[in-house]
Amino acid sequence: GTLLNSGVRISPKTYQALKKLKEEGHLIVIASGRMYASTMYVVENFLPFLKGNVIISSYNGGYIVNHNGKVFFEKGVSKESAVKCIKFLRDLKIHRHIYINDKLISEIDDKEIRDYSKHSFVDYVLVDDLISEIENSSHPTLKILAIGEPDKINLVKKLAEKEFQGEFNLMKSWDTYLDFIPYDVSKGNSLKIISKMYNLDPNTLYVFGDSENDIDMLELTKNSFAMGNAKEDVKKVANYLIPSNDEDGVAYAIEKILADDLDNVNI
């Protein structure tokens, strides 16, 4: 929806724009709701020049890896909350899967997990019982994802907000995806952590996004760009509106930024 176009690829124009940014010595952060393995697949296959020189904030900010490939932040949900969440989603008869130790894990081999696996470029692991997996793992559950039709997802979110007050940060990363992540984890908070680690002023960052999970990240800086394909609530918080992900919006903005020509970007 931002870097990736509708074909889940990065266009040649966006590729060249990011390559120019790197060549000019700028720090690049990829902040994604995707798992780390999925985000790295994108880097290695579509942006190989960034490998070894990019900061990755994955799981909506729950797992941050620095430009040298070392994990410097990891936070999962408590086992108690994760177990409650799986029971809650089972009762609602909606697809759910979990992420532990950067593995995609499902208890049902359904169309949702197969499609999601294809979309994220990561194989999935099938287990008999997600709750047993959560309880017996020495690693935290980084995220739980529910997948369903948009109306069902909206209902699940509404019910979950009442059921899990203060336990999860609930956000839609897609019309059909609802992320359950730790209460104080978000892309925006991950950028604050990264800014502190690299001694940056968050307001000097240039931030791009299209979905609900991008909102608090866009609110960090005056240099905030909503894609043309973004949701209306995302467009409202951004200072700039740029072309869509299928119209090389990120490349368009990078060209304007490097030319110091943001006055001519539509607001």
C-alpha atoms as a PDB file:
ATOM      1  CA  GLY A   1       0.000   0.000   0.000  1.00  0.00           C
ATOM      2  CA  THR A   2       2.988   2.365   0.350  1.00  0.00           C
ATOM      3  CA  LEU A   3       6.265   1.011  -1.050  1.00  0.00           C
ATOM      4  CA  LEU A   4       4.643  -2.051  -2.585  1.00  0.00           C
ATOM      5  CA  ASN A   5       2.162  -1.619  -5.427  1.00  0.00           C
ATOM      6  CA  SER A   6      -1.033  -3.630  -5.962  1.00  0.00           C
ATOM      7  CA  GLY A   7       1.024  -6.409  -7.544  1.00  0.00           C
ATOM      8  CA  VAL A   8       3.029  -6.642  -4.276  1.00  0.00           C
ATOM      9  CA  ARG A   9       6.134  -5.416  -6.071  1.00  0.00           C
ATOM     10  CA  ILE A  10       8.337  -2.311  -6.028  1.00  0.00           C
ATOM     11  CA  SER A  11       8.292  -0.363  -9.286  1.00  0.00           C
ATOM     12  CA  PRO A  12      11.514   0.566 -11.113  1.00  0.00           C
ATOM     13  CA  LYS A  13      10.880   4.249 -10.383  1.00  0.00           C
ATOM     14  CA  THR A  14      10.523   3.660  -6.627  1.00  0.00           C
ATOM     15  CA  TYR A  15      13.575   1.389  -6.709  1.00  0.00           C
ATOM     16  CA  GLN A  16      15.687   4.143  -8.281  1.00  0.00           C
ATOM     17  CA  ALA A  17      14.413   6.815  -5.883  1.00  0.00           C
ATOM     18  CA  LEU A  18      15.330   4.734  -2.829  1.00  0.00           C
ATOM     19  CA  LYS A  19      18.697   3.846  -4.346  1.00  0.00           C
ATOM     20  CA  LYS A  20      19.425   7.553  -4.779  1.00  0.00           C
ATOM     21  CA  LEU A  21      18.492   8.195  -1.142  1.00  0.00           C
ATOM     22  CA  LYS A  22      20.946   5.545   0.005  1.00  0.00           C
ATOM     23  CA  GLU A  23      23.701   6.820  -2.294  1.00  0.00           C
ATOM     24  CA  GLU A  24      23.282  10.296  -0.806  1.00  0.00           C
ATOM     25  CA  GLY A  25      23.784   8.872   2.681  1.00  0.00           C
ATOM     26  CA  HIS A  26      20.285   9.133   4.121  1.00  0.00           C
ATOM     27  CA  LEU A  27      19.066   6.782   6.858  1.00  0.00           C
ATOM     28  CA  ILE A  28      16.210   4.560   5.671  1.00  0.00           C
ATOM     29  CA  VAL A  29      13.723   2.860   7.987  1.00  0.00           C
ATOM     30  CA  ILE A  30      11.154   0.342   6.780  1.00  0.00           C
ATOM     31  CA  ALA A  31       8.273   0.255   9.263  1.00  0.00           C
ATOM     32  CA  SER A  32       5.837  -2.556   8.610  1.00  0.00           C
ATOM     33  CA  GLY A  33       3.086  -4.606  10.166  1.00  0.00           C
ATOM     34  CA  ARG A  34       4.679  -7.577   8.418  1.00  0.00           C
ATOM     35  CA  MET A  35       6.856 -10.071  10.248  1.00  0.00           C
ATOM     36  CA  TYR A  36      10.609  -9.521  10.078  1.00  0.00           C
ATOM     37  CA  ALA A  37      11.185 -12.443   7.667  1.00  0.00           C
ATOM     38  CA  SER A  38       8.569 -11.031   5.299  1.00  0.00           C
ATOM     39  CA  THR A  39      10.041  -7.527   5.429  1.00  0.00           C
ATOM     40  CA  MET A  40      13.529  -8.898   4.791  1.00  0.00           C
ATOM     41  CA  TYR A  41      12.200 -10.850   1.809  1.00  0.00           C
ATOM     42  CA  VAL A  42      11.089  -7.525   0.323  1.00  0.00           C
ATOM     43  CA  VAL A  43      14.525  -5.984   0.974  1.00  0.00           C
ATOM     44  CA  GLU A  44      16.521  -8.930  -0.367  1.00  0.00           C
ATOM     45  CA  ASN A  45      14.415  -9.474  -3.482  1.00  0.00           C
ATOM     46  CA  PHE A  46      13.235  -5.985  -4.420  1.00  0.00           C
ATOM     47  CA  LEU A  47      15.740  -3.603  -2.741  1.00  0.00           C
ATOM     48  CA  PRO A  48      18.978  -5.612  -2.459  1.00  0.00           C
ATOM     49  CA  PHE A  49      21.118  -2.456  -2.227  1.00  0.00           C
ATOM     50  CA  LEU A  50      19.561  -1.809   1.213  1.00  0.00           C
ATOM     51  CA  LYS A  51      20.638  -5.128   2.719  1.00  0.00           C
ATOM     52  CA  GLY A  52      22.981  -4.439   5.619  1.00  0.00           C
ATOM     53  CA  ASN A  53      22.103  -0.753   5.571  1.00  0.00           C
ATOM     54  CA  VAL A  54      18.453  -0.392   6.581  1.00  0.00           C
ATOM     55  CA  ILE A  55      16.605  -0.266   9.899  1.00  0.00           C
ATOM     56  CA  ILE A  56      13.612  -2.619  10.084  1.00  0.00           C
ATOM     57  CA  SER A  57      10.660  -1.997  12.395  1.00  0.00           C
ATOM     58  CA  SER A  58       8.435  -5.041  11.952  1.00  0.00           C
ATOM     59  CA  TYR A  59       5.291  -6.342  13.692  1.00  0.00           C
ATOM     60  CA  ASN A  60       4.027  -2.735  13.821  1.00  0.00           C
ATOM     61  CA  GLY A  61       7.005  -1.764  15.960  1.00  0.00           C
ATOM     62  CA  GLY A  62       7.256  -4.797  18.231  1.00  0.00           C
ATOM     63  CA  TYR A  63      10.535  -6.037  16.729  1.00  0.00           C
ATOM     64  CA  ILE A  64      13.225  -3.549  15.690  1.00  0.00           C
ATOM     65  CA  VAL A  65      16.492  -4.516  13.998  1.00  0.00           C
ATOM     66  CA  ASN A  66      19.244  -1.958  13.463  1.00  0.00           C
ATOM     67  CA  HIS A  67      21.189  -1.340  10.257  1.00  0.00           C
ATOM     68  CA  ASN A  68      23.760  -3.959  11.318  1.00  0.00           C
ATOM     69  CA  GLY A  69      21.096  -6.653  11.591  1.00  0.00           C
ATOM     70  CA  LYS A  70      21.014  -6.737  15.417  1.00  0.00           C
ATOM     71  CA  VAL A  71      17.755  -6.817  17.363  1.00  0.00           C
ATOM     72  CA  PHE A  72      17.592  -3.856  19.740  1.00  0.00           C
ATOM     73  CA  PHE A  73      13.919  -3.961  20.698  1.00  0.00           C
ATOM     74  CA  GLU A  74      11.465  -6.842  21.055  1.00  0.00           C
ATOM     75  CA  LYS A  75       8.136  -6.848  22.862  1.00  0.00           C
ATOM     76  CA  GLY A  76       5.354  -9.404  22.714  1.00  0.00           C
ATOM     77  CA  VAL A  77       1.976  -9.740  24.388  1.00  0.00           C
ATOM     78  CA  SER A  78       1.668 -11.528  27.721  1.00  0.00           C
ATOM     79  CA  LYS A  79       0.889 -15.243  27.585  1.00  0.00           C
ATOM     80  CA  GLU A  80      -2.308 -14.650  29.540  1.00  0.00           C
ATOM     81  CA  SER A  81      -3.570 -12.010  27.089  1.00  0.00           C
ATOM     82  CA  ALA A  82      -2.547 -14.073  24.066  1.00  0.00           C
ATOM     83  CA  VAL A  83      -4.453 -17.129  25.325  1.00  0.00           C
ATOM     84  CA  LYS A  84      -7.542 -15.022  26.096  1.00  0.00           C
ATOM     85  CA  CYS A  85      -7.351 -13.525  22.597  1.00  0.00           C
ATOM     86  CA  ILE A  86      -7.237 -16.928  20.865  1.00  0.00           C
ATOM     87  CA  LYS A  87     -10.271 -18.099  22.859  1.00  0.00           C
ATOM     88  CA  PHE A  88     -12.081 -14.861  21.992  1.00  0.00           C
ATOM     89  CA  LEU A  89     -11.375 -15.247  18.252  1.00  0.00           C
ATOM     90  CA  ARG A  90     -12.315 -18.923  18.269  1.00  0.00           C
ATOM     91  CA  ASP A  91     -15.686 -18.047  19.834  1.00  0.00           C
ATOM     92  CA  LEU A  92     -16.257 -15.534  17.027  1.00  0.00           C
ATOM     93  CA  LYS A  93     -15.359 -18.203  14.458  1.00  0.00           C
ATOM     94  CA  ILE A  94     -12.860 -16.008  12.660  1.00  0.00           C
ATOM     95  CA  HIS A  95      -9.458 -16.933  11.256  1.00  0.00           C
ATOM     96  CA  ARG A  96      -6.593 -16.293  13.651  1.00  0.00           C
ATOM     97  CA  HIS A  97      -2.893 -16.973  13.565  1.00  0.00           C
ATOM     98  CA  ILE A  98       0.123 -16.040  15.672  1.00  0.00           C
ATOM     99  CA  TYR A  99       3.759 -15.061  15.291  1.00  0.00           C
ATOM    100  CA  ILE A 100       6.372 -16.563  17.596  1.00  0.00           C
ATOM    101  CA  ASN A 101      10.136 -16.442  17.020  1.00  0.00           C
ATOM    102  CA  ASP A 102       9.442 -14.849  13.605  1.00  0.00           C
ATOM    103  CA  LYS A 103       7.382 -17.841  12.485  1.00  0.00           C
ATOM    104  CA  LEU A 104       3.880 -17.701  11.028  1.00  0.00           C
ATOM    105  CA  ILE A 105       1.736 -20.239  12.907  1.00  0.00           C
ATOM    106  CA  SER A 106      -1.856 -21.380  12.325  1.00  0.00           C
ATOM    107  CA  GLU A 107      -4.051 -24.111  13.783  1.00  0.00           C
ATOM    108  CA  ILE A 108      -6.263 -24.387  10.675  1.00  0.00           C
ATOM    109  CA  ASP A 109      -5.089 -24.935   7.087  1.00  0.00           C
ATOM    110  CA  ASP A 110      -7.644 -22.578   5.529  1.00  0.00           C
ATOM    111  CA  LYS A 111      -7.759 -20.219   2.556  1.00  0.00           C
ATOM    112  CA  GLU A 112      -6.895 -17.263   4.794  1.00  0.00           C
ATOM    113  CA  ILE A 113      -3.549 -18.658   5.946  1.00  0.00           C
ATOM    114  CA  ARG A 114      -2.656 -19.864   2.447  1.00  0.00           C
ATOM    115  CA  ASP A 115      -3.430 -16.463   0.914  1.00  0.00           C
ATOM    116  CA  TYR A 116      -1.666 -14.622   3.728  1.00  0.00           C
ATOM    117  CA  SER A 117       1.424 -16.819   3.365  1.00  0.00           C
ATOM    118  CA  LYS A 118       1.563 -16.037  -0.347  1.00  0.00           C
ATOM    119  CA  HIS A 119       1.024 -12.310   0.267  1.00  0.00           C
ATOM    120  CA  SER A 120       3.772 -12.163   2.898  1.00  0.00           C
ATOM    121  CA  PHE A 121       6.299 -14.394   1.060  1.00  0.00           C
ATOM    122  CA  VAL A 122       6.644 -16.623   4.151  1.00  0.00           C
ATOM    123  CA  ASP A 123       5.763 -20.297   4.670  1.00  0.00           C
ATOM    124  CA  TYR A 124       3.408 -21.121   7.518  1.00  0.00           C
ATOM    125  CA  VAL A 125       3.605 -23.728  10.270  1.00  0.00           C
ATOM    126  CA  LEU A 126       0.519 -25.789  11.171  1.00  0.00           C
ATOM    127  CA  VAL A 127      -0.005 -26.827  14.798  1.00  0.00           C
ATOM    128  CA  ASP A 128      -2.812 -28.626  16.593  1.00  0.00           C
ATOM    129  CA  ASP A 129      -3.454 -25.898  19.134  1.00  0.00           C
ATOM    130  CA  LEU A 130      -2.340 -22.248  19.184  1.00  0.00           C
ATOM    131  CA  ILE A 131      -2.899 -22.007  22.922  1.00  0.00           C
ATOM    132  CA  SER A 132      -0.471 -24.860  23.634  1.00  0.00           C
ATOM    133  CA  GLU A 133       2.021 -23.226  21.283  1.00  0.00           C
ATOM    134  CA  ILE A 134       1.752 -19.927  23.189  1.00  0.00           C
ATOM    135  CA  GLU A 135       1.949 -21.509  26.632  1.00  0.00           C
ATOM    136  CA  ASN A 136       4.909 -23.783  25.865  1.00  0.00           C
ATOM    137  CA  SER A 137       7.069 -21.338  23.912  1.00  0.00           C
ATOM    138  CA  SER A 138      10.132 -19.699  25.438  1.00  0.00           C
ATOM    139  CA  HIS A 139       9.645 -16.813  22.984  1.00  0.00           C
ATOM    140  CA  PRO A 140       6.940 -14.127  23.234  1.00  0.00           C
ATOM    141  CA  THR A 141       3.924 -13.963  20.938  1.00  0.00           C
ATOM    142  CA  LEU A 142       4.777 -10.861  18.922  1.00  0.00           C
ATOM    143  CA  LYS A 143       1.385 -10.472  17.266  1.00  0.00           C
ATOM    144  CA  ILE A 144      -1.974 -12.147  16.724  1.00  0.00           C
ATOM    145  CA  LEU A 145      -3.812 -11.530  13.480  1.00  0.00           C
ATOM    146  CA  ALA A 146      -7.509 -11.982  12.729  1.00  0.00           C
ATOM    147  CA  ILE A 147      -8.586 -12.174   9.071  1.00  0.00           C
ATOM    148  CA  GLY A 148     -12.133 -11.811   7.784  1.00  0.00           C
ATOM    149  CA  GLU A 149     -14.514  -9.819   5.634  1.00  0.00           C
ATOM    150  CA  PRO A 150     -14.379  -6.041   6.342  1.00  0.00           C
ATOM    151  CA  ASP A 151     -17.735  -5.959   8.180  1.00  0.00           C
ATOM    152  CA  LYS A 152     -16.743  -8.907  10.368  1.00  0.00           C
ATOM    153  CA  ILE A 153     -13.345  -7.368  11.115  1.00  0.00           C
ATOM    154  CA  ASN A 154     -14.999  -4.085  12.138  1.00  0.00           C
ATOM    155  CA  LEU A 155     -17.286  -6.016  14.485  1.00  0.00           C
ATOM    156  CA  VAL A 156     -14.375  -8.009  15.942  1.00  0.00           C
ATOM    157  CA  LYS A 157     -12.476  -4.776  16.569  1.00  0.00           C
ATOM    158  CA  LYS A 158     -15.460  -3.195  18.323  1.00  0.00           C
ATOM    159  CA  LEU A 159     -15.953  -6.230  20.548  1.00  0.00           C
ATOM    160  CA  ALA A 160     -12.211  -6.569  21.250  1.00  0.00           C
ATOM    161  CA  GLU A 161     -11.943  -2.935  22.344  1.00  0.00           C
ATOM    162  CA  LYS A 162     -14.443  -3.711  25.123  1.00  0.00           C
ATOM    163  CA  GLU A 163     -13.015  -7.133  25.962  1.00  0.00           C
ATOM    164  CA  PHE A 164      -9.323  -6.206  26.128  1.00  0.00           C
ATOM    165  CA  GLN A 165      -9.106  -2.658  27.450  1.00  0.00           C
ATOM    166  CA  GLY A 166      -5.463  -1.827  28.155  1.00  0.00           C
ATOM    167  CA  GLU A 167      -4.213  -5.232  26.965  1.00  0.00           C
ATOM    168  CA  PHE A 168      -3.776  -4.765  23.217  1.00  0.00           C
ATOM    169  CA  ASN A 169      -3.155  -2.071  20.680  1.00  0.00           C
ATOM    170  CA  LEU A 170      -5.785  -2.976  18.069  1.00  0.00           C
ATOM    171  CA  MET A 171      -5.330  -1.747  14.545  1.00  0.00           C
ATOM    172  CA  LYS A 172      -6.347  -2.603  11.038  1.00  0.00           C
ATOM    173  CA  SER A 173      -3.396  -2.970   8.696  1.00  0.00           C
ATOM    174  CA  TRP A 174      -5.847  -3.811   5.880  1.00  0.00           C
ATOM    175  CA  ASP A 175      -9.637  -3.838   5.535  1.00  0.00           C
ATOM    176  CA  THR A 176      -9.581  -7.569   6.209  1.00  0.00           C
ATOM    177  CA  TYR A 177      -6.741  -7.718   8.785  1.00  0.00           C
ATOM    178  CA  LEU A 178      -6.965  -6.870  12.488  1.00  0.00           C
ATOM    179  CA  ASP A 179      -3.688  -6.817  14.399  1.00  0.00           C
ATOM    180  CA  PHE A 180      -3.507  -7.561  18.129  1.00  0.00           C
ATOM    181  CA  ILE A 181      -0.167  -6.232  19.384  1.00  0.00           C
ATOM    182  CA  PRO A 182       1.134  -5.158  22.829  1.00  0.00           C
ATOM    183  CA  TYR A 183      -0.751  -2.168  24.217  1.00  0.00           C
ATOM    184  CA  ASP A 184       2.181   0.269  24.036  1.00  0.00           C
ATOM    185  CA  VAL A 185       3.635  -0.980  20.739  1.00  0.00           C
ATOM    186  CA  SER A 186       3.082   0.947  17.495  1.00  0.00           C
ATOM    187  CA  LYS A 187       4.962   2.160  14.454  1.00  0.00           C
ATOM    188  CA  GLY A 188       5.056   5.657  15.958  1.00  0.00           C
ATOM    189  CA  ASN A 189       6.585   4.400  19.206  1.00  0.00           C
ATOM    190  CA  SER A 190       9.125   2.404  17.225  1.00  0.00           C
ATOM    191  CA  LEU A 191      10.226   5.581  15.434  1.00  0.00           C
ATOM    192  CA  LYS A 192      10.653   7.286  18.807  1.00  0.00           C
ATOM    193  CA  ILE A 193      12.876   4.388  19.935  1.00  0.00           C
ATOM    194  CA  ILE A 194      14.869   4.529  16.689  1.00  0.00           C
ATOM    195  CA  SER A 195      15.207   8.324  16.919  1.00  0.00           C
ATOM    196  CA  LYS A 196      16.625   8.002  20.431  1.00  0.00           C
ATOM    197  CA  MET A 197      19.042   5.244  19.382  1.00  0.00           C
ATOM    198  CA  TYR A 198      20.337   7.259  16.424  1.00  0.00           C
ATOM    199  CA  ASN A 199      20.123  10.677  18.113  1.00  0.00           C
ATOM    200  CA  LEU A 200      17.544  12.022  15.658  1.00  0.00           C
ATOM    201  CA  ASP A 201      14.858  14.653  16.060  1.00  0.00           C
ATOM    202  CA  PRO A 202      11.620  12.831  15.076  1.00  0.00           C
ATOM    203  CA  ASN A 203      10.375  16.007  13.419  1.00  0.00           C
ATOM    204  CA  THR A 204      13.186  15.759  10.858  1.00  0.00           C
ATOM    205  CA  LEU A 205      11.880  12.383   9.629  1.00  0.00           C
ATOM    206  CA  TYR A 206       9.996  12.009   6.343  1.00  0.00           C
ATOM    207  CA  VAL A 207       7.221   9.481   6.923  1.00  0.00           C
ATOM    208  CA  PHE A 208       4.944   7.715   4.417  1.00  0.00           C
ATOM    209  CA  GLY A 209       1.843   5.614   5.028  1.00  0.00           C
ATOM    210  CA  ASP A 210      -1.556   4.429   3.847  1.00  0.00           C
ATOM    211  CA  SER A 211      -3.221   2.478   6.677  1.00  0.00           C
ATOM    212  CA  GLU A 212      -4.591   2.883  10.174  1.00  0.00           C
ATOM    213  CA  ASN A 213      -1.402   1.415  11.644  1.00  0.00           C
ATOM    214  CA  ASP A 214       0.559   4.329  10.114  1.00  0.00           C
ATOM    215  CA  ILE A 215      -1.380   7.125  11.818  1.00  0.00           C
ATOM    216  CA  ASP A 216       0.646   7.639  14.995  1.00  0.00           C
ATOM    217  CA  MET A 217       3.832   7.465  12.927  1.00  0.00           C
ATOM    218  CA  LEU A 218       2.578  10.189  10.568  1.00  0.00           C
ATOM    219  CA  GLU A 219       1.623  12.355  13.560  1.00  0.00           C
ATOM    220  CA  LEU A 220       5.264  12.468  14.715  1.00  0.00           C
ATOM    221  CA  THR A 221       6.470  14.870  12.053  1.00  0.00           C
ATOM    222  CA  LYS A 222       5.401  17.765   9.859  1.00  0.00           C
ATOM    223  CA  ASN A 223       6.971  15.829   6.962  1.00  0.00           C
ATOM    224  CA  SER A 224       4.120  13.324   6.773  1.00  0.00           C
ATOM    225  CA  PHE A 225       2.889  11.910   3.469  1.00  0.00           C
ATOM    226  CA  ALA A 226      -0.347   9.991   2.894  1.00  0.00           C
ATOM    227  CA  MET A 227      -0.593   7.885  -0.229  1.00  0.00           C
ATOM    228  CA  GLY A 228      -3.369   8.624  -2.708  1.00  0.00           C
ATOM    229  CA  ASN A 229      -4.771   5.171  -1.911  1.00  0.00           C
ATOM    230  CA  ALA A 230      -4.744   5.847   1.859  1.00  0.00           C
ATOM    231  CA  LYS A 231      -7.804   5.659   4.074  1.00  0.00           C
ATOM    232  CA  GLU A 232      -9.526   8.991   4.739  1.00  0.00           C
ATOM    233  CA  ASP A 233      -8.547   9.011   8.434  1.00  0.00           C
ATOM    234  CA  VAL A 234      -4.907   8.600   7.353  1.00  0.00           C
ATOM    235  CA  LYS A 235      -5.156  11.458   4.863  1.00  0.00           C
ATOM    236  CA  LYS A 236      -6.539  13.721   7.597  1.00  0.00           C
ATOM    237  CA  VAL A 237      -3.419  13.442   9.785  1.00  0.00           C
ATOM    238  CA  ALA A 238      -0.824  13.805   7.013  1.00  0.00           C
ATOM    239  CA  ASN A 239       0.490  17.181   5.852  1.00  0.00           C
ATOM    240  CA  TYR A 240       0.985  16.041   2.264  1.00  0.00           C
ATOM    241  CA  LEU A 241      -1.124  13.959  -0.085  1.00  0.00           C
ATOM    242  CA  ILE A 242       0.865  12.225  -2.816  1.00  0.00           C
ATOM    243  CA  PRO A 243       0.014   9.856  -5.707  1.00  0.00           C
ATOM    244  CA  SER A 244      -1.006   6.279  -4.935  1.00  0.00           C
ATOM    245  CA  ASN A 245       1.224   3.238  -4.519  1.00  0.00           C
ATOM    246  CA  ASP A 246       0.389   2.295  -8.133  1.00  0.00           C
ATOM    247  CA  GLU A 247       1.433   5.765  -9.322  1.00  0.00           C
ATOM    248  CA  ASP A 248       4.904   5.826  -7.728  1.00  0.00           C
ATOM    249  CA  GLY A 249       3.818   8.144  -4.914  1.00  0.00           C
ATOM    250  CA  VAL A 250       6.892   7.496  -2.760  1.00  0.00           C
ATOM    251  CA  ALA A 251       9.241   8.129  -5.694  1.00  0.00           C
ATOM    252  CA  TYR A 252       7.357  11.345  -6.517  1.00  0.00           C
ATOM    253  CA  ALA A 253       7.783  12.594  -2.937  1.00  0.00           C
ATOM    254  CA  ILE A 254      11.455  11.603  -2.717  1.00  0.00           C
ATOM    255  CA  GLU A 255      12.174  13.575  -5.888  1.00  0.00           C
ATOM    256  CA  LYS A 256      10.450  16.625  -4.359  1.00  0.00           C
ATOM    257  CA  ILE A 257      12.296  16.200  -1.052  1.00  0.00           C
ATOM    258  CA  LEU A 258      15.724  15.922  -2.692  1.00  0.00           C
ATOM    259  CA  ALA A 259      14.946  18.934  -4.894  1.00  0.00           C
ATOM    260  CA  ASP A 260      13.761  20.915  -1.827  1.00  0.00           C
ATOM    261  CA  ASP A 261      10.474  21.433  -3.630  1.00  0.00           C
ATOM    262  CA  LEU A 262       7.847  20.386  -1.083  1.00  0.00           C
ATOM    263  CA  ASP A 263       5.955  23.653  -1.598  1.00  0.00           C
ATOM    264  CA  ASN A 264       4.754  22.182  -4.867  1.00  0.00           C
ATOM    265  CA  VAL A 265       3.355  19.005  -3.339  1.00  0.00           C
ATOM    266  CA  ASN A 266      -0.416  19.098  -2.972  1.00  0.00           C
ATOM    267  CA  ILE A 267      -1.585  19.458   0.640  1.00  0.00           C
END
